[in-house]
């Protein structure tokens, strides 16, 4: 008994051969860029002192309203980061068969590229704005005093710094996805 594969469904061996190794590494790195800041926020939400003082310590005092907020924010950020893997996995090209109505259908290239490119742009802008805000010379003296300093400030900075790589990594993987899918489409037309 022979198994026939639809021409639009890549086999795992064929798929892995067409995805550049660097793109696979970059896609797997993206969720790791969001992880440290998520863990830092979860520590804040759990009530672990992360270095805030004064009004900021009162505002971000956990557990409380901040706990649900940081859990949702961290889960959403990590979930969005994990979507990058779809750009280097078969489920990013063909909808998995178990999904009702859409299973087995080819995902249009631009349906993946446009949201991924916009996401790369948005994450880059937000992370750069965050750096600007962190080093903003116009911060009030009170904001400066209430922010984490010393070891706590270093830990917070180290936790958030990897976010600067998320946008560029996602952008590079998105370009690789677009070029690969475009090459595949040209190959089918011949």
Protein backbone atom coordinates (compact mmCIF):
# COMPACT_ATOMS: atom_id res chain seq x y z
CA UNK A 1 0.00 0.00 0.00
CA UNK A 2 1.47 3.32 -1.04
CA UNK A 3 0.72 6.63 0.58
CA UNK A 4 0.19 9.63 -1.65
CA UNK A 5 1.04 13.07 -0.39
CA UNK A 6 -0.81 16.08 -1.74
CA UNK A 7 1.53 18.36 -3.70
CA UNK A 8 0.71 21.23 -1.37
CA UNK A 9 1.55 19.28 1.81
CA UNK A 10 5.31 19.17 2.47
CA UNK A 11 6.68 15.96 3.92
CA UNK A 12 8.72 16.41 7.11
CA UNK A 13 12.00 15.49 5.40
CA UNK A 14 11.40 17.86 2.48
CA UNK A 15 10.32 20.63 4.79
CA UNK A 16 13.40 20.47 7.01
CA UNK A 17 15.64 20.58 3.95
CA UNK A 18 14.10 23.85 2.75
CA UNK A 19 14.23 25.80 6.03
CA UNK A 20 17.62 27.45 6.66
CA UNK A 21 19.22 26.24 9.86
CA UNK A 22 19.86 29.80 11.04
CA UNK A 23 16.11 30.55 10.69
CA UNK A 24 15.24 27.54 12.86
CA UNK A 25 17.70 28.71 15.52
CA UNK A 26 16.40 32.28 15.34
CA UNK A 27 12.77 31.14 15.59
CA UNK A 28 13.58 29.05 18.66
CA UNK A 29 15.46 32.00 20.20
CA UNK A 30 12.43 34.32 20.00
CA UNK A 31 10.45 32.70 22.85
CA UNK A 32 13.63 32.76 24.93
CA UNK A 33 13.85 36.55 24.48
CA UNK A 34 10.44 36.99 26.15
CA UNK A 35 11.01 34.48 28.95
CA UNK A 36 13.27 36.46 31.35
CA UNK A 37 10.99 39.52 31.47
CA UNK A 38 7.98 37.24 31.95
CA UNK A 39 9.64 35.52 34.88
CA UNK A 40 10.61 38.90 36.35
CA UNK A 41 6.99 40.11 36.06
CA UNK A 42 5.69 36.89 37.64
CA UNK A 43 8.05 37.44 40.57
CA UNK A 44 6.63 40.98 40.92
CA UNK A 45 3.07 39.61 40.79
CA UNK A 46 3.88 37.00 43.42
CA UNK A 47 4.94 39.72 45.82
CA UNK A 48 8.67 39.09 45.63
CA UNK A 49 10.47 42.40 46.17
CA UNK A 50 11.98 43.40 42.82
CA UNK A 51 13.39 46.75 43.90
CA UNK A 52 10.59 49.29 43.59
CA UNK A 53 10.31 51.86 46.38
CA UNK A 54 7.76 54.46 47.50
CA UNK A 55 4.72 55.05 45.30
CA UNK A 56 5.88 52.56 42.68
CA UNK A 57 6.22 49.84 45.32
CA UNK A 58 2.66 50.56 46.44
CA UNK A 59 1.39 50.58 42.84
CA UNK A 60 3.09 47.29 41.95
CA UNK A 61 2.53 45.57 45.29
CA UNK A 62 1.67 41.92 44.73
CA UNK A 63 -0.14 39.75 45.14
CA UNK A 64 -3.13 41.82 44.14
CA UNK A 65 -4.52 43.31 40.94
CA UNK A 66 -1.01 43.30 39.50
CA UNK A 67 -0.82 39.51 39.78
CA UNK A 68 -3.53 38.80 37.20
CA UNK A 69 -2.18 41.56 34.97
CA UNK A 70 1.39 40.20 34.88
CA UNK A 71 0.20 36.61 34.43
CA UNK A 72 -1.92 37.58 31.41
CA UNK A 73 0.74 39.90 29.99
CA UNK A 74 3.47 37.28 30.35
CA UNK A 75 1.31 34.49 28.88
CA UNK A 76 0.26 36.63 25.90
CA UNK A 77 3.84 37.75 25.23
CA UNK A 78 5.17 34.20 25.41
CA UNK A 79 2.31 32.90 23.25
CA UNK A 80 3.00 35.50 20.58
CA UNK A 81 6.72 34.72 20.72
CA UNK A 82 5.98 31.01 20.27
CA UNK A 83 4.02 31.77 17.08
CA UNK A 84 7.39 32.51 15.46
CA UNK A 85 7.96 28.76 15.39
CA UNK A 86 5.18 28.50 12.79
CA UNK A 87 7.47 30.26 10.32
CA UNK A 88 9.86 27.30 10.43
CA UNK A 89 7.43 24.43 11.02
CA UNK A 90 5.03 22.67 8.62
CA UNK A 91 2.01 24.00 10.57
CA UNK A 92 3.03 27.48 9.41
CA UNK A 93 2.49 26.46 5.79
CA UNK A 94 -0.38 23.98 5.98
CA UNK A 95 -3.16 24.12 8.56
CA UNK A 96 -2.97 21.00 10.75
CA UNK A 97 -5.59 18.41 9.71
CA UNK A 98 -7.20 18.31 13.17
CA UNK A 99 -8.46 21.91 12.83
CA UNK A 100 -12.10 21.83 11.66
CA UNK A 101 -12.95 23.25 8.22
CA UNK A 102 -9.41 24.50 7.52
CA UNK A 103 -7.33 21.39 8.21
CA UNK A 104 -5.00 20.47 5.35
CA UNK A 105 -5.35 23.78 3.52
CA UNK A 106 -2.31 25.76 2.49
CA UNK A 107 -1.82 28.98 4.42
CA UNK A 108 -1.52 31.93 2.04
CA UNK A 109 1.99 33.36 2.25
CA UNK A 110 0.86 36.88 3.04
CA UNK A 111 -1.53 35.64 5.75
CA UNK A 112 1.58 34.70 7.72
CA UNK A 113 4.01 37.34 6.47
CA UNK A 114 1.90 40.46 7.09
CA UNK A 115 1.08 39.74 10.78
CA UNK A 116 4.64 38.52 11.42
CA UNK A 117 6.17 41.63 9.81
CA UNK A 118 3.80 43.94 11.70
CA UNK A 119 4.60 42.03 14.90
CA UNK A 120 8.34 42.41 14.29
CA UNK A 121 7.90 46.13 13.74
CA UNK A 122 5.66 46.55 16.81
CA UNK A 123 7.93 44.56 19.13
CA UNK A 124 10.96 46.49 17.90
CA UNK A 125 9.22 49.82 18.46
CA UNK A 126 7.96 48.86 21.93
CA UNK A 127 11.33 47.54 23.06
CA UNK A 128 13.20 50.60 21.78
CA UNK A 129 10.60 52.88 23.42
CA UNK A 130 11.09 50.90 26.64
CA UNK A 131 14.84 51.51 26.52
CA UNK A 132 14.24 55.18 25.84
CA UNK A 133 11.86 55.38 28.79
CA UNK A 134 14.30 53.51 31.03
CA UNK A 135 17.09 56.00 30.28
CA UNK A 136 14.84 59.04 29.84
CA UNK A 137 16.59 62.12 31.23
CA UNK A 138 13.18 63.73 31.80
CA UNK A 139 12.19 61.21 34.49
CA UNK A 140 11.12 62.93 37.67
CA UNK A 141 13.37 62.67 40.68
CA UNK A 142 10.64 60.64 42.41
CA UNK A 143 10.45 58.13 39.51
CA UNK A 144 14.21 57.73 39.59
CA UNK A 145 14.22 57.17 43.37
CA UNK A 146 11.32 54.69 43.23
CA UNK A 147 12.78 52.58 40.40
CA UNK A 148 14.93 49.52 41.09
CA UNK A 149 18.61 50.37 41.73
CA UNK A 150 21.74 48.37 42.39
CA UNK A 151 21.41 44.60 42.04
CA UNK A 152 17.62 44.86 41.60
CA UNK A 153 18.11 47.37 38.77
CA UNK A 154 20.68 45.11 37.10
CA UNK A 155 18.36 42.10 37.39
CA UNK A 156 15.47 44.05 35.87
CA UNK A 157 17.68 45.32 33.03
CA UNK A 158 19.06 41.85 32.33
CA UNK A 159 15.50 40.46 32.32
CA UNK A 160 14.22 43.03 29.82
CA UNK A 161 17.31 43.41 27.59
CA UNK A 162 16.65 40.24 25.53
CA UNK A 163 13.40 41.79 24.30
CA UNK A 164 15.53 44.04 22.09
CA UNK A 165 16.39 40.96 19.99
CA UNK A 166 12.79 39.75 19.56
CA UNK A 167 11.81 42.15 16.76
CA UNK A 168 14.95 41.74 14.62
CA UNK A 169 14.90 37.94 15.04
CA UNK A 170 11.22 37.77 14.09
CA UNK A 171 11.87 40.07 11.13
CA UNK A 172 14.72 37.89 9.85
CA UNK A 173 12.69 34.69 10.22
CA UNK A 174 9.75 36.37 8.46
CA UNK A 175 11.92 37.34 5.48
CA UNK A 176 13.30 33.78 5.31
CA UNK A 177 9.73 32.38 5.40
CA UNK A 178 8.60 34.74 2.63
CA UNK A 179 11.57 33.93 0.38
CA UNK A 180 11.20 30.18 0.95
CA UNK A 181 7.48 30.16 0.23
CA UNK A 182 7.97 32.34 -2.86
CA UNK A 183 10.65 29.94 -4.16
CA UNK A 184 8.31 27.00 -3.52
CA UNK A 185 5.49 28.72 -5.44
CA UNK A 186 7.80 29.43 -8.40
CA UNK A 187 8.98 25.80 -8.34
CA UNK A 188 5.40 24.52 -8.55
CA UNK A 189 4.60 26.77 -11.52
CA UNK A 190 7.35 25.29 -13.69
